[in-house]
C-alpha atoms as a PDB file:
ATOM      1  CA  MET A   1    -152.660 -80.355 170.152  1.00  0.00           C
ATOM      2  CA  GLN A   2    -149.397 -79.147 168.459  1.00  0.00           C
ATOM      3  CA  LYS A   3    -151.391 -75.843 167.745  1.00  0.00           C
ATOM      4  CA  ILE A   4    -152.772 -74.833 171.316  1.00  0.00           C
ATOM      5  CA  ILE A   5    -148.845 -75.289 172.211  1.00  0.00           C
ATOM      6  CA  PHE A   6    -147.864 -72.878 169.728  1.00  0.00           C
ATOM      7  CA  ILE A   7    -150.320 -70.166 170.404  1.00  0.00           C
ATOM      8  CA  VAL A   8    -149.458 -70.706 174.208  1.00  0.00           C
ATOM      9  CA  LEU A   9    -146.099 -70.076 173.365  1.00  0.00           C
ATOM     10  CA  PHE A  10    -146.725 -67.218 170.532  1.00  0.00           C
ATOM     11  CA  LEU A  11    -148.778 -65.392 173.243  1.00  0.00           C
ATOM     12  CA  ILE A  12    -146.057 -65.769 176.133  1.00  0.00           C
ATOM     13  CA  THR A  13    -143.388 -64.570 174.035  1.00  0.00           C
ATOM     14  CA  THR A  14    -145.364 -61.416 172.479  1.00  0.00           C
ATOM     15  CA  ASN A  15    -146.424 -60.610 176.482  1.00  0.00           C
ATOM     16  CA  CYS A  16    -142.688 -60.732 177.398  1.00  0.00           C
ATOM     17  CA  PHE A  17    -141.205 -58.550 174.538  1.00  0.00           C
ATOM     18  CA  SER A  18    -144.285 -55.911 174.054  1.00  0.00           C
ATOM     19  CA  GLN A  19    -144.750 -54.768 177.810  1.00  0.00           C
ATOM     20  CA  GLU A  20    -143.353 -51.107 177.585  1.00  0.00           C
ATOM     21  CA  LEU A  21    -141.821 -49.878 180.902  1.00  0.00           C
ATOM     22  CA  ASN A  22    -143.236 -46.907 182.792  1.00  0.00           C
ATOM     23  CA  CYS A  23    -140.220 -45.498 184.072  1.00  0.00           C
ATOM     24  CA  SER A  24    -141.443 -41.866 184.743  1.00  0.00           C
ATOM     25  CA  ALA A  25    -142.019 -42.745 188.820  1.00  0.00           C
ATOM     26  CA  PHE A  26    -138.227 -43.599 188.690  1.00  0.00           C
ATOM     27  CA  LYS A  27    -136.870 -40.493 187.598  1.00  0.00           C
ATOM     28  CA  ASN A  28    -136.736 -38.501 190.775  1.00  0.00           C
ATOM     29  CA  GLY A  29    -136.600 -39.933 194.422  1.00  0.00           C
ATOM     30  CA  THR A  30    -134.436 -41.422 196.860  1.00  0.00           C
ATOM     31  CA  PHE A  31    -132.780 -44.842 195.853  1.00  0.00           C
ATOM     32  CA  THR A  32    -130.403 -47.196 197.649  1.00  0.00           C
ATOM     33  CA  TYR A  33    -128.681 -50.331 196.476  1.00  0.00           C
ATOM     34  CA  THR A  34    -129.694 -53.882 197.060  1.00  0.00           C
ATOM     35  CA  ASP A  35    -125.937 -55.041 196.681  1.00  0.00           C
ATOM     36  CA  PRO A  36    -124.693 -55.738 199.901  1.00  0.00           C
ATOM     37  CA  ASP A  37    -121.302 -53.740 198.746  1.00  0.00           C
ATOM     38  CA  TYR A  38    -123.199 -50.358 198.008  1.00  0.00           C
ATOM     39  CA  SER A  39    -126.293 -50.790 200.754  1.00  0.00           C
ATOM     40  CA  ASP A  40    -125.030 -47.703 202.581  1.00  0.00           C
ATOM     41  CA  LEU A  41    -124.623 -45.536 199.133  1.00  0.00           C
ATOM     42  CA  LEU A  42    -127.887 -43.216 198.555  1.00  0.00           C
ATOM     43  CA  THR A  43    -128.757 -41.557 195.317  1.00  0.00           C
ATOM     44  CA  ILE A  44    -131.239 -38.488 195.535  1.00  0.00           C
ATOM     45  CA  ARG A  45    -132.108 -37.959 191.866  1.00  0.00           C
ATOM     46  CA  THR A  46    -134.275 -34.965 190.123  1.00  0.00           C
ATOM     47  CA  ASP A  47    -135.059 -34.112 186.542  1.00  0.00           C
ATOM     48  CA  SER A  48    -131.579 -32.704 186.167  1.00  0.00           C
ATOM     49  CA  ILE A  49    -129.262 -33.595 189.202  1.00  0.00           C
ATOM     50  CA  GLN A  50    -128.192 -36.541 190.869  1.00  0.00           C
ATOM     51  CA  ILE A  51    -126.666 -36.765 194.609  1.00  0.00           C
ATOM     52  CA  ASP A  52    -124.428 -39.794 195.360  1.00  0.00           C
ATOM     53  CA  THR A  53    -123.271 -40.224 199.156  1.00  0.00           C
ATOM     54  CA  TYR A  54    -121.851 -42.722 200.907  1.00  0.00           C
ATOM     55  CA  PRO A  55    -121.085 -42.123 204.094  1.00  0.00           C
ATOM     56  CA  LYS A  56    -118.734 -44.867 204.975  1.00  0.00           C
ATOM     57  CA  LEU A  57    -116.218 -43.443 202.927  1.00  0.00           C
ATOM     58  CA  ASN A  58    -117.176 -39.614 204.172  1.00  0.00           C
ATOM     59  CA  LEU A  59    -118.037 -39.291 199.781  1.00  0.00           C
ATOM     60  CA  GLU A  60    -120.428 -37.071 197.880  1.00  0.00           C
ATOM     61  CA  MET A  61    -120.429 -36.691 194.121  1.00  0.00           C
ATOM     62  CA  THR A  62    -122.831 -34.624 192.105  1.00  0.00           C
ATOM     63  CA  SER A  63    -123.638 -35.340 188.807  1.00  0.00           C
ATOM     64  CA  THR A  64    -125.932 -33.931 185.987  1.00  0.00           C
ATOM     65  CA  VAL A  65    -128.686 -35.591 184.445  1.00  0.00           C
ATOM     66  CA  THR A  66    -130.053 -35.417 181.179  1.00  0.00           C
ATOM     67  CA  TRP A  67    -132.891 -38.032 180.171  1.00  0.00           C
ATOM     68  CA  LEU A  68    -132.528 -39.295 176.722  1.00  0.00           C
ATOM     69  CA  SER A  69    -135.762 -41.141 176.660  1.00  0.00           C
ATOM     70  CA  ASP A  70    -138.370 -42.399 179.068  1.00  0.00           C
ATOM     71  CA  CYS A  71    -135.888 -45.052 180.772  1.00  0.00           C
ATOM     72  CA  LYS A  72    -132.525 -43.672 179.690  1.00  0.00           C
ATOM     73  CA  TYR A  73    -130.530 -41.084 180.810  1.00  0.00           C
ATOM     74  CA  GLN A  74    -126.830 -39.971 180.395  1.00  0.00           C
ATOM     75  CA  MET A  75    -125.010 -38.960 183.692  1.00  0.00           C
ATOM     76  CA  VAL A  76    -121.678 -36.647 184.290  1.00  0.00           C
ATOM     77  CA  TYR A  77    -120.112 -36.312 187.000  1.00  0.00           C
ATOM     78  CA  THR A  78    -119.442 -32.569 187.968  1.00  0.00           C
ATOM     79  CA  LYS A  79    -118.201 -32.594 191.676  1.00  0.00           C
ATOM     80  CA  VAL A  80    -116.781 -34.854 194.068  1.00  0.00           C
ATOM     81  CA  ASN A  81    -115.497 -33.882 197.498  1.00  0.00           C
ATOM     82  CA  ASP A  82    -112.626 -36.401 197.604  1.00  0.00           C
ATOM     83  CA  PRO A  83    -109.764 -35.644 195.559  1.00  0.00           C
ATOM     84  CA  LYS A  84    -108.961 -39.345 194.743  1.00  0.00           C
ATOM     85  CA  MET A  85    -112.269 -39.058 192.989  1.00  0.00           C
ATOM     86  CA  GLN A  86    -111.315 -36.280 190.817  1.00  0.00           C
ATOM     87  CA  PRO A  87    -110.778 -38.529 187.555  1.00  0.00           C
ATOM     88  CA  ILE A  88    -114.518 -39.340 187.251  1.00  0.00           C
ATOM     89  CA  ILE A  89    -115.252 -35.863 186.558  1.00  0.00           C
ATOM     90  CA  GLY A  90    -116.426 -35.316 182.980  1.00  0.00           C
ATOM     91  CA  VAL A  91    -116.987 -39.234 182.402  1.00  0.00           C
ATOM     92  CA  LYS A  92    -120.198 -39.649 180.932  1.00  0.00           C
ATOM     93  CA  TYR A  93    -122.472 -42.945 181.946  1.00  0.00           C
ATOM     94  CA  VAL A  94    -125.659 -43.906 180.194  1.00  0.00           C
ATOM     95  CA  ILE A  95    -128.086 -45.865 182.262  1.00  0.00           C
ATOM     96  CA  GLU A  96    -130.851 -47.471 181.168  1.00  0.00           C
ATOM     97  CA  ILE A  97    -133.894 -48.816 183.183  1.00  0.00           C
ATOM     98  CA  ILE A  98    -134.332 -52.514 181.776  1.00  0.00           C
ATOM     99  CA  GLU A  99    -136.998 -54.025 184.277  1.00  0.00           C
ATOM    100  CA  ILE A 100    -139.382 -52.865 187.116  1.00  0.00           C
ATOM    101  CA  ASN A 101    -140.926 -54.573 189.834  1.00  0.00           C
ATOM    102  CA  ASP A 102    -143.030 -52.762 192.523  1.00  0.00           C
ATOM    103  CA  ASN A 103    -140.253 -50.285 193.916  1.00  0.00           C
ATOM    104  CA  LYS A 104    -137.352 -51.936 192.748  1.00  0.00           C
ATOM    105  CA  ILE A 105    -135.562 -51.304 189.402  1.00  0.00           C
ATOM    106  CA  ILE A 106    -132.614 -53.120 187.519  1.00  0.00           C
ATOM    107  CA  CYS A 107    -130.380 -50.661 186.073  1.00  0.00           C
ATOM    108  CA  GLN A 108    -127.885 -50.935 183.026  1.00  0.00           C
ATOM    109  CA  THR A 109    -124.904 -48.609 183.370  1.00  0.00           C
ATOM    110  CA  ASP A 110    -122.643 -48.109 180.397  1.00  0.00           C
ATOM    111  CA  SER A 111    -119.336 -46.450 180.786  1.00  0.00           C
ATOM    112  CA  GLY A 112    -118.128 -46.993 177.535  1.00  0.00           C
ATOM    113  CA  ASP A 113    -115.764 -49.718 178.696  1.00  0.00           C
ATOM    114  CA  VAL A 114    -117.789 -51.764 181.230  1.00  0.00           C
ATOM    115  CA  ILE A 115    -121.418 -52.509 181.375  1.00  0.00           C
ATOM    116  CA  ILE A 116    -123.020 -53.454 184.692  1.00  0.00           C
ATOM    117  CA  LYS A 117    -126.285 -54.306 185.997  1.00  0.00           C
ATOM    118  CA  GLN A 118    -127.540 -53.360 189.547  1.00  0.00           C
ATOM    119  CA  GLU A 119    -131.109 -53.374 191.376  1.00  0.00           C
ATOM    120  CA  MET A 120    -131.916 -50.263 193.095  1.00  0.00           C
ATOM    121  CA  ILE A 121    -134.770 -49.754 195.302  1.00  0.00           C
ATOM    122  CA  LYS A 122    -137.033 -46.477 195.282  1.00  0.00           C
ATOM    123  CA  LEU A 123    -137.575 -45.545 199.154  1.00  0.00           C
ATOM    124  CA  LYS A 124    -140.794 -44.659 200.004  1.00  0.00           C
ATOM    125  CA  LYS A 125    -141.214 -41.110 201.903  1.00  0.00           C
END
């Protein structure tokens, strides 16, 4: 009986850690956030550019995107339409997709000072 329990636990653990994420479907597209505080924020990303628009605040931010691996990219803000947001110009963020569930992804964003996890939904066109 102990052998069976050990084998089952081993298989479950192996499956959990050996799954490789296929992030290619999330490199490009239009996304929103599940967090109610950011539900109006719309992100449009291509291979090399990301544009974040927040209509409530009449805010638009443009950044360059450099993919470091299939599931990890660096983002640097290059343009904002609100002078109050100028301090984010040039700041580097490293974003990693750590979980995929259908059209939802959980990303971990590292700004060097803070690490934040957020769930995004890829919108269907």
